[in-house]
Amino acid sequence: MFLSSESLLIILLVGLVAGWLAGQIVHGTGFGPIGDLIIGVAGAFIGGWLLPQLNVHVGSAAISAVIDATIGALMLLLILRLVRGGNGWRARLGRSWNRHW
Protein backbone atom coordinates (compact mmCIF):
# COMPACT_ATOMS: atom_id res chain seq x y z
CA MET A 1 0.00 0.00 0.00
CA PHE A 2 1.44 3.36 -1.01
CA LEU A 3 0.50 6.58 0.76
CA SER A 4 1.41 9.85 -0.81
CA SER A 5 2.60 12.65 1.42
CA GLU A 6 -0.74 14.43 0.93
CA SER A 7 -2.68 11.34 2.05
CA LEU A 8 -0.49 10.96 5.09
CA LEU A 9 -0.97 14.64 5.96
CA ILE A 10 -4.76 14.30 5.65
CA ILE A 11 -4.77 11.20 7.85
CA LEU A 12 -2.70 13.00 10.48
CA LEU A 13 -4.90 16.12 10.37
CA VAL A 14 -8.12 14.09 10.63
CA GLY A 15 -6.58 12.07 13.47
CA LEU A 16 -5.48 15.19 15.32
CA VAL A 17 -8.90 16.83 15.01
CA ALA A 18 -10.74 13.64 15.96
CA GLY A 19 -8.44 12.97 18.92
CA TRP A 20 -8.81 16.53 20.16
CA LEU A 21 -12.62 16.38 19.83
CA ALA A 22 -12.77 13.04 21.63
CA GLY A 23 -10.51 14.41 24.37
CA GLN A 24 -12.85 17.39 24.80
CA ILE A 25 -15.91 15.15 25.01
CA VAL A 26 -14.34 12.60 27.37
CA HIS A 27 -12.79 14.80 30.05
CA GLY A 28 -9.86 13.71 32.16
CA THR A 29 -8.04 11.50 29.68
CA GLY A 30 -4.80 13.51 29.82
CA PHE A 31 -2.98 12.13 26.77
CA GLY A 32 -1.68 15.44 25.37
CA PRO A 33 -1.37 16.46 21.70
CA ILE A 34 0.73 13.47 20.59
CA GLY A 35 -1.56 11.09 22.47
CA ASP A 36 -4.60 12.79 20.92
CA LEU A 37 -3.06 12.29 17.48
CA ILE A 38 -2.43 8.59 18.14
CA ILE A 39 -5.91 8.10 19.63
CA GLY A 40 -7.46 9.96 16.69
CA VAL A 41 -5.63 7.95 14.03
CA ALA A 42 -6.46 4.69 15.80
CA GLY A 43 -10.05 5.95 16.15
CA ALA A 44 -10.15 6.65 12.42
CA PHE A 45 -9.30 3.02 11.74
CA ILE A 46 -11.82 1.79 14.32
CA GLY A 47 -14.59 4.09 13.12
CA GLY A 48 -13.80 3.43 9.47
CA TRP A 49 -14.13 -0.30 10.02
CA LEU A 50 -16.88 -0.54 12.66
CA LEU A 51 -19.44 1.98 11.42
CA PRO A 52 -19.90 0.38 7.96
CA GLN A 53 -20.18 -3.02 9.71
CA LEU A 54 -23.06 -1.56 11.73
CA ASN A 55 -24.52 -0.07 8.53
CA VAL A 56 -24.04 3.50 9.80
CA HIS A 57 -23.17 6.07 7.14
CA VAL A 58 -22.80 9.77 7.95
CA GLY A 59 -21.85 10.99 4.47
CA SER A 60 -18.97 11.02 2.06
CA ALA A 61 -17.18 14.32 2.61
CA ALA A 62 -14.19 15.21 4.78
CA ILE A 63 -16.53 16.07 7.65
CA SER A 64 -17.79 12.49 7.70
CA ALA A 65 -14.19 11.26 8.00
CA VAL A 66 -13.74 13.46 11.07
CA ILE A 67 -17.06 12.26 12.51
CA ASP A 68 -16.19 8.60 11.91
CA ALA A 69 -12.74 9.08 13.42
CA THR A 70 -14.17 10.95 16.40
CA ILE A 71 -16.70 8.18 17.09
CA GLY A 72 -13.92 5.60 16.87
CA ALA A 73 -11.67 7.69 19.12
CA LEU A 74 -14.49 8.09 21.66
CA MET A 75 -14.97 4.34 21.79
CA LEU A 76 -11.23 3.84 22.20
CA LEU A 77 -11.00 6.47 24.97
CA LEU A 78 -13.92 4.94 26.84
CA ILE A 79 -12.32 1.49 26.63
CA LEU A 80 -8.98 2.92 27.80
CA ARG A 81 -10.71 4.68 30.67
CA LEU A 82 -12.42 1.46 31.72
CA VAL A 83 -9.14 -0.44 31.63
CA ARG A 84 -7.04 2.30 33.21
CA GLY A 85 -9.55 3.17 35.92
CA GLY A 86 -8.70 6.34 37.79
CA ASN A 87 -11.06 9.24 38.24
CA GLY A 88 -13.55 7.89 35.75
CA TRP A 89 -17.18 7.03 36.11
CA ARG A 90 -16.44 4.03 38.35
CA ALA A 91 -14.84 6.26 40.99
CA ARG A 92 -17.74 8.72 40.85
CA LEU A 93 -20.25 5.87 40.95
CA GLY A 94 -18.50 4.39 43.97
CA ARG A 95 -18.64 7.70 45.83
CA SER A 96 -22.33 8.21 45.09
CA TRP A 97 -23.09 4.55 45.84
CA ASN A 98 -21.41 4.80 49.25
CA ARG A 99 -23.44 7.90 50.13
CA HIS A 100 -26.70 6.04 49.60
CA TRP A 101 -25.74 2.97 51.63
PDB file of N, CA and C in Angstrom:
ATOM      1  N   MET A   1       0.852  -1.176   0.000  1.00  0.00           N
ATOM      2  CA  MET A   1       0.000   0.000   0.000  1.00  0.00           C
ATOM      3  C   MET A   1       0.892   1.232   0.000  1.00  0.00           C
ATOM      4  N   PHE A   2       0.646   2.147  -0.903  1.00  0.00           N
ATOM      5  CA  PHE A   2       1.436   3.362  -1.014  1.00  0.00           C
ATOM      6  C   PHE A   2       0.609   4.551  -0.580  1.00  0.00           C
ATOM      7  N   LEU A   3       1.141   5.337   0.328  1.00  0.00           N
ATOM      8  CA  LEU A   3       0.501   6.575   0.763  1.00  0.00           C
ATOM      9  C   LEU A   3       1.339   7.738   0.281  1.00  0.00           C
ATOM     10  N   SER A   4       0.689   8.650  -0.406  1.00  0.00           N
ATOM     11  CA  SER A   4       1.408   9.851  -0.806  1.00  0.00           C
ATOM     12  C   SER A   4       1.558  10.750   0.411  1.00  0.00           C
ATOM     13  N   SER A   5       2.395  11.748   0.287  1.00  0.00           N
ATOM     14  CA  SER A   5       2.599  12.655   1.418  1.00  0.00           C
ATOM     15  C   SER A   5       1.332  13.451   1.722  1.00  0.00           C
ATOM     16  N   GLU A   6       0.528  13.727   0.692  1.00  0.00           N
ATOM     17  CA  GLU A   6      -0.742  14.433   0.928  1.00  0.00           C
ATOM     18  C   GLU A   6      -1.720  13.550   1.697  1.00  0.00           C
ATOM     19  N   SER A   7      -1.790  12.265   1.349  1.00  0.00           N
ATOM     20  CA  SER A   7      -2.684  11.343   2.054  1.00  0.00           C
ATOM     21  C   SER A   7      -2.269  11.189   3.512  1.00  0.00           C
ATOM     22  N   LEU A   8      -0.985  11.082   3.726  1.00  0.00           N
ATOM     23  CA  LEU A   8      -0.492  10.961   5.094  1.00  0.00           C
ATOM     24  C   LEU A   8      -0.803  12.218   5.896  1.00  0.00           C
ATOM     25  N   LEU A   9      -0.658  13.376   5.286  1.00  0.00           N
ATOM     26  CA  LEU A   9      -0.972  14.636   5.962  1.00  0.00           C
ATOM     27  C   LEU A   9      -2.452  14.723   6.302  1.00  0.00           C
ATOM     28  N   ILE A  10      -3.306  14.280   5.393  1.00  0.00           N
ATOM     29  CA  ILE A  10      -4.755  14.305   5.647  1.00  0.00           C
ATOM     30  C   ILE A  10      -5.108  13.351   6.776  1.00  0.00           C
ATOM     31  N   ILE A  11      -4.516  12.156   6.776  1.00  0.00           N
ATOM     32  CA  ILE A  11      -4.771  11.197   7.854  1.00  0.00           C
ATOM     33  C   ILE A  11      -4.341  11.776   9.200  1.00  0.00           C
ATOM     34  N   LEU A  12      -3.185  12.412   9.229  1.00  0.00           N
ATOM     35  CA  LEU A  12      -2.704  13.000  10.476  1.00  0.00           C
ATOM     36  C   LEU A  12      -3.583  14.161  10.931  1.00  0.00           C
ATOM     37  N   LEU A  13      -4.021  14.994   9.996  1.00  0.00           N
ATOM     38  CA  LEU A  13      -4.898  16.118  10.369  1.00  0.00           C
ATOM     39  C   LEU A  13      -6.254  15.632  10.872  1.00  0.00           C
ATOM     40  N   VAL A  14      -6.845  14.650  10.176  1.00  0.00           N
ATOM     41  CA  VAL A  14      -8.120  14.093  10.629  1.00  0.00           C
ATOM     42  C   VAL A  14      -7.944  13.439  11.994  1.00  0.00           C
ATOM     43  N   GLY A  15      -6.847  12.710  12.185  1.00  0.00           N
ATOM     44  CA  GLY A  15      -6.584  12.074  13.474  1.00  0.00           C
ATOM     45  C   GLY A  15      -6.395  13.073  14.588  1.00  0.00           C
ATOM     46  N   LEU A  16      -5.692  14.169  14.302  1.00  0.00           N
ATOM     47  CA  LEU A  16      -5.481  15.193  15.319  1.00  0.00           C
ATOM     48  C   LEU A  16      -6.789  15.860  15.715  1.00  0.00           C
ATOM     49  N   VAL A  17      -7.609  16.202  14.719  1.00  0.00           N
ATOM     50  CA  VAL A  17      -8.902  16.835  15.012  1.00  0.00           C
ATOM     51  C   VAL A  17      -9.806  15.873  15.762  1.00  0.00           C
ATOM     52  N   ALA A  18      -9.876  14.627  15.311  1.00  0.00           N
ATOM     53  CA  ALA A  18     -10.742  13.636  15.960  1.00  0.00           C
ATOM     54  C   ALA A  18     -10.269  13.339  17.381  1.00  0.00           C
ATOM     55  N   GLY A  19      -8.965  13.209  17.577  1.00  0.00           N
ATOM     56  CA  GLY A  19      -8.444  12.970  18.922  1.00  0.00           C
ATOM     57  C   GLY A  19      -8.693  14.130  19.852  1.00  0.00           C
ATOM     58  N   TRP A  20      -8.550  15.356  19.332  1.00  0.00           N
ATOM     59  CA  TRP A  20      -8.812  16.534  20.157  1.00  0.00           C
ATOM     60  C   TRP A  20     -10.290  16.597  20.527  1.00  0.00           C
ATOM     61  N   LEU A  21     -11.181  16.366  19.542  1.00  0.00           N
ATOM     62  CA  LEU A  21     -12.616  16.381  19.826  1.00  0.00           C
ATOM     63  C   LEU A  21     -12.994  15.315  20.844  1.00  0.00           C
ATOM     64  N   ALA A  22     -12.462  14.124  20.681  1.00  0.00           N
ATOM     65  CA  ALA A  22     -12.770  13.043  21.628  1.00  0.00           C
ATOM     66  C   ALA A  22     -12.239  13.381  23.012  1.00  0.00           C
ATOM     67  N   GLY A  23     -11.063  14.000  23.089  1.00  0.00           N
ATOM     68  CA  GLY A  23     -10.514  14.412  24.372  1.00  0.00           C
ATOM     69  C   GLY A  23     -11.351  15.491  25.040  1.00  0.00           C
ATOM     70  N   GLN A  24     -11.977  16.362  24.245  1.00  0.00           N
ATOM     71  CA  GLN A  24     -12.850  17.388  24.798  1.00  0.00           C
ATOM     72  C   GLN A  24     -14.160  16.796  25.299  1.00  0.00           C
ATOM     73  N   ILE A  25     -14.648  15.773  24.608  1.00  0.00           N
ATOM     74  CA  ILE A  25     -15.910  15.145  25.007  1.00  0.00           C
ATOM     75  C   ILE A  25     -15.713  14.272  26.234  1.00  0.00           C
ATOM     76  N   VAL A  26     -14.645  13.477  26.245  1.00  0.00           N
ATOM     77  CA  VAL A  26     -14.335  12.598  27.373  1.00  0.00           C
ATOM     78  C   VAL A  26     -13.283  13.313  28.212  1.00  0.00           C
ATOM     79  N   HIS A  27     -13.709  14.010  29.221  1.00  0.00           N
ATOM     80  CA  HIS A  27     -12.793  14.804  30.046  1.00  0.00           C
ATOM     81  C   HIS A  27     -11.921  13.902  30.907  1.00  0.00           C
ATOM     82  N   GLY A  28     -10.729  14.384  31.215  1.00  0.00           N
ATOM     83  CA  GLY A  28      -9.865  13.707  32.155  1.00  0.00           C
ATOM     84  C   GLY A  28      -9.007  12.608  31.573  1.00  0.00           C
ATOM     85  N   THR A  29      -8.869  12.556  30.242  1.00  0.00           N
ATOM     86  CA  THR A  29      -8.036  11.498  29.679  1.00  0.00           C
ATOM     87  C   THR A  29      -6.562  11.833  29.824  1.00  0.00           C
ATOM     88  N   GLY A  30      -6.158  13.072  29.569  1.00  0.00           N
ATOM     89  CA  GLY A  30      -4.800  13.511  29.822  1.00  0.00           C
ATOM     90  C   GLY A  30      -3.733  12.874  28.963  1.00  0.00           C
ATOM     91  N   PHE A  31      -3.965  12.732  27.650  1.00  0.00           N
ATOM     92  CA  PHE A  31      -2.975  12.129  26.772  1.00  0.00           C
ATOM     93  C   PHE A  31      -2.102  13.156  26.067  1.00  0.00           C
ATOM     94  N   GLY A  32      -2.482  14.412  26.016  1.00  0.00           N
ATOM     95  CA  GLY A  32      -1.684  15.444  25.368  1.00  0.00           C
ATOM     96  C   GLY A  32      -1.835  15.421  23.857  1.00  0.00           C
ATOM     97  N   PRO A  33      -1.173  16.355  23.149  1.00  0.00           N
ATOM     98  CA  PRO A  33      -1.370  16.462  21.700  1.00  0.00           C
ATOM     99  C   PRO A  33      -0.889  15.238  20.917  1.00  0.00           C
ATOM    100  N   ILE A  34       0.243  14.663  21.295  1.00  0.00           N
ATOM    101  CA  ILE A  34       0.733  13.472  20.593  1.00  0.00           C
ATOM    102  C   ILE A  34      -0.184  12.286  20.878  1.00  0.00           C
ATOM    103  N   GLY A  35      -0.619  12.154  22.117  1.00  0.00           N
ATOM    104  CA  GLY A  35      -1.557  11.089  22.468  1.00  0.00           C
ATOM    105  C   GLY A  35      -2.890  11.261  21.762  1.00  0.00           C
ATOM    106  N   ASP A  36      -3.357  12.524  21.647  1.00  0.00           N
ATOM    107  CA  ASP A  36      -4.596  12.787  20.918  1.00  0.00           C
ATOM    108  C   ASP A  36      -4.457  12.385  19.453  1.00  0.00           C
ATOM    109  N   LEU A  37      -3.292  12.665  18.877  1.00  0.00           N
ATOM    110  CA  LEU A  37      -3.055  12.291  17.483  1.00  0.00           C
ATOM    111  C   LEU A  37      -3.100  10.779  17.321  1.00  0.00           C
ATOM    112  N   ILE A  38      -2.458  10.053  18.222  1.00  0.00           N
ATOM    113  CA  ILE A  38      -2.435   8.591  18.141  1.00  0.00           C
ATOM    114  C   ILE A  38      -3.838   8.021  18.360  1.00  0.00           C
ATOM    115  N   ILE A  39      -4.542   8.546  19.363  1.00  0.00           N
ATOM    116  CA  ILE A  39      -5.909   8.098  19.632  1.00  0.00           C
ATOM    117  C   ILE A  39      -6.808   8.406  18.439  1.00  0.00           C
ATOM    118  N   GLY A  40      -6.640   9.587  17.835  1.00  0.00           N
ATOM    119  CA  GLY A  40      -7.461   9.965  16.687  1.00  0.00           C
ATOM    120  C   GLY A  40      -7.205   9.107  15.470  1.00  0.00           C
ATOM    121  N   VAL A  41      -5.940   8.800  15.180  1.00  0.00           N
ATOM    122  CA  VAL A  41      -5.627   7.949  14.028  1.00  0.00           C
ATOM    123  C   VAL A  41      -6.133   6.529  14.268  1.00  0.00           C
ATOM    124  N   ALA A  42      -5.928   6.016  15.471  1.00  0.00           N
ATOM    125  CA  ALA A  42      -6.464   4.688  15.800  1.00  0.00           C
ATOM    126  C   ALA A  42      -7.992   4.709  15.744  1.00  0.00           C
ATOM    127  N   GLY A  43      -8.592   5.805  16.217  1.00  0.00           N
ATOM    128  CA  GLY A  43     -10.046   5.948  16.151  1.00  0.00           C
ATOM    129  C   GLY A  43     -10.554   6.013  14.730  1.00  0.00           C
ATOM    130  N   ALA A  44      -9.760   6.605  13.830  1.00  0.00           N
ATOM    131  CA  ALA A  44     -10.154   6.651  12.424  1.00  0.00           C
ATOM    132  C   ALA A  44     -10.218   5.240  11.843  1.00  0.00           C
ATOM    133  N   PHE A  45      -9.264   4.397  12.209  1.00  0.00           N
ATOM    134  CA  PHE A  45      -9.302   3.018  11.740  1.00  0.00           C
ATOM    135  C   PHE A  45     -10.476   2.258  12.355  1.00  0.00           C
ATOM    136  N   ILE A  46     -10.709   2.475  13.644  1.00  0.00           N
ATOM    137  CA  ILE A  46     -11.822   1.786  14.321  1.00  0.00           C
ATOM    138  C   ILE A  46     -13.154   2.243  13.744  1.00  0.00           C
ATOM    139  N   GLY A  47     -13.340   3.562  13.650  1.00  0.00           N
ATOM    140  CA  GLY A  47     -14.593   4.093  13.116  1.00  0.00           C
ATOM    141  C   GLY A  47     -14.792   3.754  11.651  1.00  0.00           C
ATOM    142  N   GLY A  48     -13.706   3.771  10.879  1.00  0.00           N
ATOM    143  CA  GLY A  48     -13.803   3.432   9.465  1.00  0.00           C
ATOM    144  C   GLY A  48     -14.139   1.974   9.224  1.00  0.00           C
ATOM    145  N   TRP A  49     -13.792   1.112  10.164  1.00  0.00           N
ATOM    146  CA  TRP A  49     -14.128  -0.297  10.022  1.00  0.00           C
ATOM    147  C   TRP A  49     -15.470  -0.635  10.657  1.00  0.00           C
ATOM    148  N   LEU A  50     -15.717  -0.121  11.885  1.00  0.00           N
ATOM    149  CA  LEU A  50     -16.882  -0.541  12.657  1.00  0.00           C
ATOM    150  C   LEU A  50     -18.187   0.063  12.151  1.00  0.00           C
ATOM    151  N   LEU A  51     -18.185   1.336  11.814  1.00  0.00           N
ATOM    152  CA  LEU A  51     -19.443   1.975  11.420  1.00  0.00           C
ATOM    153  C   LEU A  51     -20.051   1.371  10.157  1.00  0.00           C
ATOM    154  N   PRO A  52     -19.283   1.075   9.100  1.00  0.00           N
ATOM    155  CA  PRO A  52     -19.896   0.376   7.958  1.00  0.00           C
ATOM    156  C   PRO A  52     -20.384  -1.033   8.319  1.00  0.00           C
ATOM    157  N   GLN A  53     -19.709  -1.700   9.274  1.00  0.00           N
ATOM    158  CA  GLN A  53     -20.175  -3.018   9.714  1.00  0.00           C
ATOM    159  C   GLN A  53     -21.543  -2.919  10.384  1.00  0.00           C
ATOM    160  N   LEU A  54     -21.776  -1.790  11.071  1.00  0.00           N
ATOM    161  CA  LEU A  54     -23.060  -1.556  11.732  1.00  0.00           C
ATOM    162  C   LEU A  54     -24.073  -0.892  10.808  1.00  0.00           C
ATOM    163  N   ASN A  55     -23.677  -0.701   9.544  1.00  0.00           N
ATOM    164  CA  ASN A  55     -24.518  -0.069   8.532  1.00  0.00           C
ATOM    165  C   ASN A  55     -24.859   1.378   8.882  1.00  0.00           C
ATOM    166  N   VAL A  56     -23.894   2.094   9.455  1.00  0.00           N
ATOM    167  CA  VAL A  56     -24.042   3.503   9.797  1.00  0.00           C
ATOM    168  C   VAL A  56     -23.208   4.317   8.819  1.00  0.00           C
ATOM    169  N   HIS A  57     -23.859   5.229   8.112  1.00  0.00           N
ATOM    170  CA  HIS A  57     -23.168   6.066   7.143  1.00  0.00           C
ATOM    171  C   HIS A  57     -23.536   7.520   7.421  1.00  0.00           C
ATOM    172  N   VAL A  58     -22.537   8.363   7.637  1.00  0.00           N
ATOM    173  CA  VAL A  58     -22.799   9.768   7.954  1.00  0.00           C
ATOM    174  C   VAL A  58     -22.520  10.694   6.776  1.00  0.00           C
ATOM    175  N   GLY A  59     -22.096  10.170   5.649  1.00  0.00           N
ATOM    176  CA  GLY A  59     -21.853  10.988   4.472  1.00  0.00           C
ATOM    177  C   GLY A  59     -20.593  10.545   3.760  1.00  0.00           C
ATOM    178  N   SER A  60     -20.148  11.398   2.839  1.00  0.00           N
ATOM    179  CA  SER A  60     -18.969  11.016   2.064  1.00  0.00           C
ATOM    180  C   SER A  60     -17.939  12.132   1.966  1.00  0.00           C
ATOM    181  N   ALA A  61     -18.109  13.193   2.688  1.00  0.00           N
ATOM    182  CA  ALA A  61     -17.175  14.319   2.606  1.00  0.00           C
ATOM    183  C   ALA A  61     -16.121  14.210   3.708  1.00  0.00           C
ATOM    184  N   ALA A  62     -15.258  15.195   3.767  1.00  0.00           N
ATOM    185  CA  ALA A  62     -14.189  15.210   4.776  1.00  0.00           C
ATOM    186  C   ALA A  62     -14.763  15.306   6.184  1.00  0.00           C
ATOM    187  N   ILE A  63     -15.895  15.969   6.329  1.00  0.00           N
ATOM    188  CA  ILE A  63     -16.533  16.075   7.655  1.00  0.00           C
ATOM    189  C   ILE A  63     -16.933  14.697   8.155  1.00  0.00           C
ATOM    190  N   SER A  64     -17.407  13.838   7.261  1.00  0.00           N
ATOM    191  CA  SER A  64     -17.791  12.490   7.699  1.00  0.00           C
ATOM    192  C   SER A  64     -16.574  11.691   8.156  1.00  0.00           C
ATOM    193  N   ALA A  65     -15.414  11.941   7.552  1.00  0.00           N
ATOM    194  CA  ALA A  65     -14.192  11.264   7.998  1.00  0.00           C
ATOM    195  C   ALA A  65     -13.847  11.694   9.411  1.00  0.00           C
ATOM    196  N   VAL A  66     -14.006  12.963   9.715  1.00  0.00           N
ATOM    197  CA  VAL A  66     -13.740  13.459  11.067  1.00  0.00           C
ATOM    198  C   VAL A  66     -14.763  12.886  12.049  1.00  0.00           C
ATOM    199  N   ILE A  67     -16.025  12.811  11.632  1.00  0.00           N
ATOM    200  CA  ILE A  67     -17.064  12.265  12.511  1.00  0.00           C
ATOM    201  C   ILE A  67     -16.813  10.782  12.781  1.00  0.00           C
ATOM    202  N   ASP A  68     -16.504  10.021  11.725  1.00  0.00           N
ATOM    203  CA  ASP A  68     -16.188   8.595  11.907  1.00  0.00           C
ATOM    204  C   ASP A  68     -14.990   8.412  12.826  1.00  0.00           C
ATOM    205  N   ALA A  69     -13.943   9.193  12.592  1.00  0.00           N
ATOM    206  CA  ALA A  69     -12.736   9.077  13.416  1.00  0.00           C
ATOM    207  C   ALA A  69     -13.010   9.484  14.853  1.00  0.00           C
ATOM    208  N   THR A  70     -13.841  10.503  15.050  1.00  0.00           N
ATOM    209  CA  THR A  70     -14.172  10.946  16.403  1.00  0.00           C
ATOM    210  C   THR A  70     -14.977   9.879  17.138  1.00  0.00           C
ATOM    211  N   ILE A  71     -15.919   9.254  16.452  1.00  0.00           N
ATOM    212  CA  ILE A  71     -16.697   8.180  17.086  1.00  0.00           C
ATOM    213  C   ILE A  71     -15.785   7.020  17.461  1.00  0.00           C
ATOM    214  N   GLY A  72     -14.879   6.661  16.559  1.00  0.00           N
ATOM    215  CA  GLY A  72     -13.921   5.599  16.871  1.00  0.00           C
ATOM    216  C   GLY A  72     -13.001   5.972  18.016  1.00  0.00           C
ATOM    217  N   ALA A  73     -12.542   7.234  18.040  1.00  0.00           N
ATOM    218  CA  ALA A  73     -11.670   7.691  19.124  1.00  0.00           C
ATOM    219  C   ALA A  73     -12.416   7.729  20.450  1.00  0.00           C
ATOM    220  N   LEU A  74     -13.693   8.106  20.428  1.00  0.00           N
ATOM    221  CA  LEU A  74     -14.491   8.088  21.660  1.00  0.00           C
ATOM    222  C   LEU A  74     -14.612   6.678  22.210  1.00  0.00           C
ATOM    223  N   MET A  75     -14.877   5.727  21.328  1.00  0.00           N
ATOM    224  CA  MET A  75     -14.969   4.343  21.786  1.00  0.00           C
ATOM    225  C   MET A  75     -13.640   3.873  22.364  1.00  0.00           C
ATOM    226  N   LEU A  76     -12.545   4.235  21.707  1.00  0.00           N
ATOM    227  CA  LEU A  76     -11.226   3.844  22.196  1.00  0.00           C
ATOM    228  C   LEU A  76     -10.920   4.504  23.540  1.00  0.00           C
ATOM    229  N   LEU A  77     -11.252   5.784  23.688  1.00  0.00           N
ATOM    230  CA  LEU A  77     -11.004   6.467  24.966  1.00  0.00           C
ATOM    231  C   LEU A  77     -11.838   5.878  26.092  1.00  0.00           C
ATOM    232  N   LEU A  78     -13.082   5.540  25.797  1.00  0.00           N
ATOM    233  CA  LEU A  78     -13.921   4.939  26.841  1.00  0.00           C
ATOM    234  C   LEU A  78     -13.394   3.573  27.253  1.00  0.00           C
ATOM    235  N   ILE A  79     -12.914   2.790  26.295  1.00  0.00           N
ATOM    236  CA  ILE A  79     -12.324   1.491  26.631  1.00  0.00           C
ATOM    237  C   ILE A  79     -11.053   1.685  27.451  1.00  0.00           C
ATOM    238  N   LEU A  80     -10.208   2.648  27.035  1.00  0.00           N
ATOM    239  CA  LEU A  80      -8.984   2.920  27.796  1.00  0.00           C
ATOM    240  C   LEU A  80      -9.293   3.397  29.202  1.00  0.00           C
ATOM    241  N   ARG A  81     -10.334   4.200  29.345  1.00  0.00           N
ATOM    242  CA  ARG A  81     -10.706   4.685  30.674  1.00  0.00           C
ATOM    243  C   ARG A  81     -11.214   3.543  31.542  1.00  0.00           C
ATOM    244  N   LEU A  82     -11.954   2.610  30.951  1.00  0.00           N
ATOM    245  CA  LEU A  82     -12.419   1.459  31.721  1.00  0.00           C
ATOM    246  C   LEU A  82     -11.260   0.589  32.180  1.00  0.00           C
ATOM    247  N   VAL A  83     -10.286   0.400  31.287  1.00  0.00           N
ATOM    248  CA  VAL A  83      -9.138  -0.444  31.626  1.00  0.00           C
ATOM    249  C   VAL A  83      -8.231   0.256  32.616  1.00  0.00           C
ATOM    250  N   ARG A  84      -7.979   1.539  32.380  1.00  0.00           N
ATOM    251  CA  ARG A  84      -7.040   2.298  33.207  1.00  0.00           C
ATOM    252  C   ARG A  84      -7.619   2.670  34.562  1.00  0.00           C
ATOM    253  N   GLY A  85      -8.935   2.777  34.654  1.00  0.00           N
ATOM    254  CA  GLY A  85      -9.552   3.166  35.924  1.00  0.00           C
ATOM    255  C   GLY A  85      -9.316   4.627  36.212  1.00  0.00           C
ATOM    256  N   GLY A  86      -9.010   4.953  37.439  1.00  0.00           N
ATOM    257  CA  GLY A  86      -8.700   6.336  37.787  1.00  0.00           C
ATOM    258  C   GLY A  86      -9.930   7.105  38.216  1.00  0.00           C
ATOM    259  N   ASN A  87      -9.975   8.363  37.829  1.00  0.00           N
ATOM    260  CA  ASN A  87     -11.064   9.242  38.237  1.00  0.00           C
ATOM    261  C   ASN A  87     -12.212   9.195  37.257  1.00  0.00           C
ATOM    262  N   GLY A  88     -12.497   8.051  36.731  1.00  0.00           N
ATOM    263  CA  GLY A  88     -13.550   7.888  35.746  1.00  0.00           C
ATOM    264  C   GLY A  88     -14.909   7.719  36.402  1.00  0.00           C
ATOM    265  N   TRP A  89     -15.815   7.165  35.641  1.00  0.00           N
ATOM    266  CA  TRP A  89     -17.178   7.026  36.112  1.00  0.00           C
ATOM    267  C   TRP A  89     -17.284   6.001  37.226  1.00  0.00           C
ATOM    268  N   ARG A  90     -16.364   5.024  37.271  1.00  0.00           N
ATOM    269  CA  ARG A  90     -16.438   4.032  38.350  1.00  0.00           C
ATOM    270  C   ARG A  90     -16.148   4.668  39.700  1.00  0.00           C
ATOM    271  N   ALA A  91     -15.172   5.592  39.737  1.00  0.00           N
ATOM    272  CA  ALA A  91     -14.842   6.256  40.994  1.00  0.00           C
ATOM    273  C   ALA A  91     -15.999   7.143  41.445  1.00  0.00           C
ATOM    274  N   ARG A  92     -16.599   7.869  40.496  1.00  0.00           N
ATOM    275  CA  ARG A  92     -17.740   8.722  40.853  1.00  0.00           C
ATOM    276  C   ARG A  92     -18.931   7.882  41.275  1.00  0.00           C
ATOM    277  N   LEU A  93     -19.154   6.749  40.593  1.00  0.00           N
ATOM    278  CA  LEU A  93     -20.253   5.873  40.945  1.00  0.00           C
ATOM    279  C   LEU A  93     -20.034   5.300  42.347  1.00  0.00           C
ATOM    280  N   GLY A  94     -18.808   4.932  42.642  1.00  0.00           N
ATOM    281  CA  GLY A  94     -18.503   4.393  43.968  1.00  0.00           C
ATOM    282  C   GLY A  94     -18.749   5.396  45.065  1.00  0.00           C
ATOM    283  N   ARG A  95     -18.389   6.668  44.817  1.00  0.00           N
ATOM    284  CA  ARG A  95     -18.641   7.704  45.835  1.00  0.00           C
ATOM    285  C   ARG A  95     -20.126   7.916  46.031  1.00  0.00           C
ATOM    286  N   SER A  96     -20.894   7.986  44.931  1.00  0.00           N
ATOM    287  CA  SER A  96     -22.332   8.211  45.085  1.00  0.00           C
ATOM    288  C   SER A  96     -23.013   6.978  45.657  1.00  0.00           C
ATOM    289  N   TRP A  97     -22.516   5.781  45.317  1.00  0.00           N
ATOM    290  CA  TRP A  97     -23.090   4.553  45.845  1.00  0.00           C
ATOM    291  C   TRP A  97     -22.880   4.476  47.350  1.00  0.00           C
ATOM    292  N   ASN A  98     -21.693   4.862  47.826  1.00  0.00           N
ATOM    293  CA  ASN A  98     -21.405   4.802  49.253  1.00  0.00           C
ATOM    294  C   ASN A  98     -22.231   5.801  50.038  1.00  0.00           C
ATOM    295  N   ARG A  99     -22.606   6.929  49.432  1.00  0.00           N
ATOM    296  CA  ARG A  99     -23.444   7.902  50.129  1.00  0.00           C
ATOM    297  C   ARG A  99     -24.832   7.365  50.396  1.00  0.00           C
ATOM    298  N   HIS A 100     -25.332   6.536  49.465  1.00  0.00           N
ATOM    299  CA  HIS A 100     -26.701   6.035  49.602  1.00  0.00           C
ATOM    300  C   HIS A 100     -26.798   4.841  50.525  1.00  0.00           C
ATOM    301  N   TRP A 101     -25.693   4.163  50.800  1.00  0.00           N
ATOM    302  CA  TRP A 101     -25.738   2.966  51.631  1.00  0.00           C
ATOM    303  C   TRP A 101     -25.027   3.258  52.890  1.00  0.00           C
TER     304      TRP A 101
END
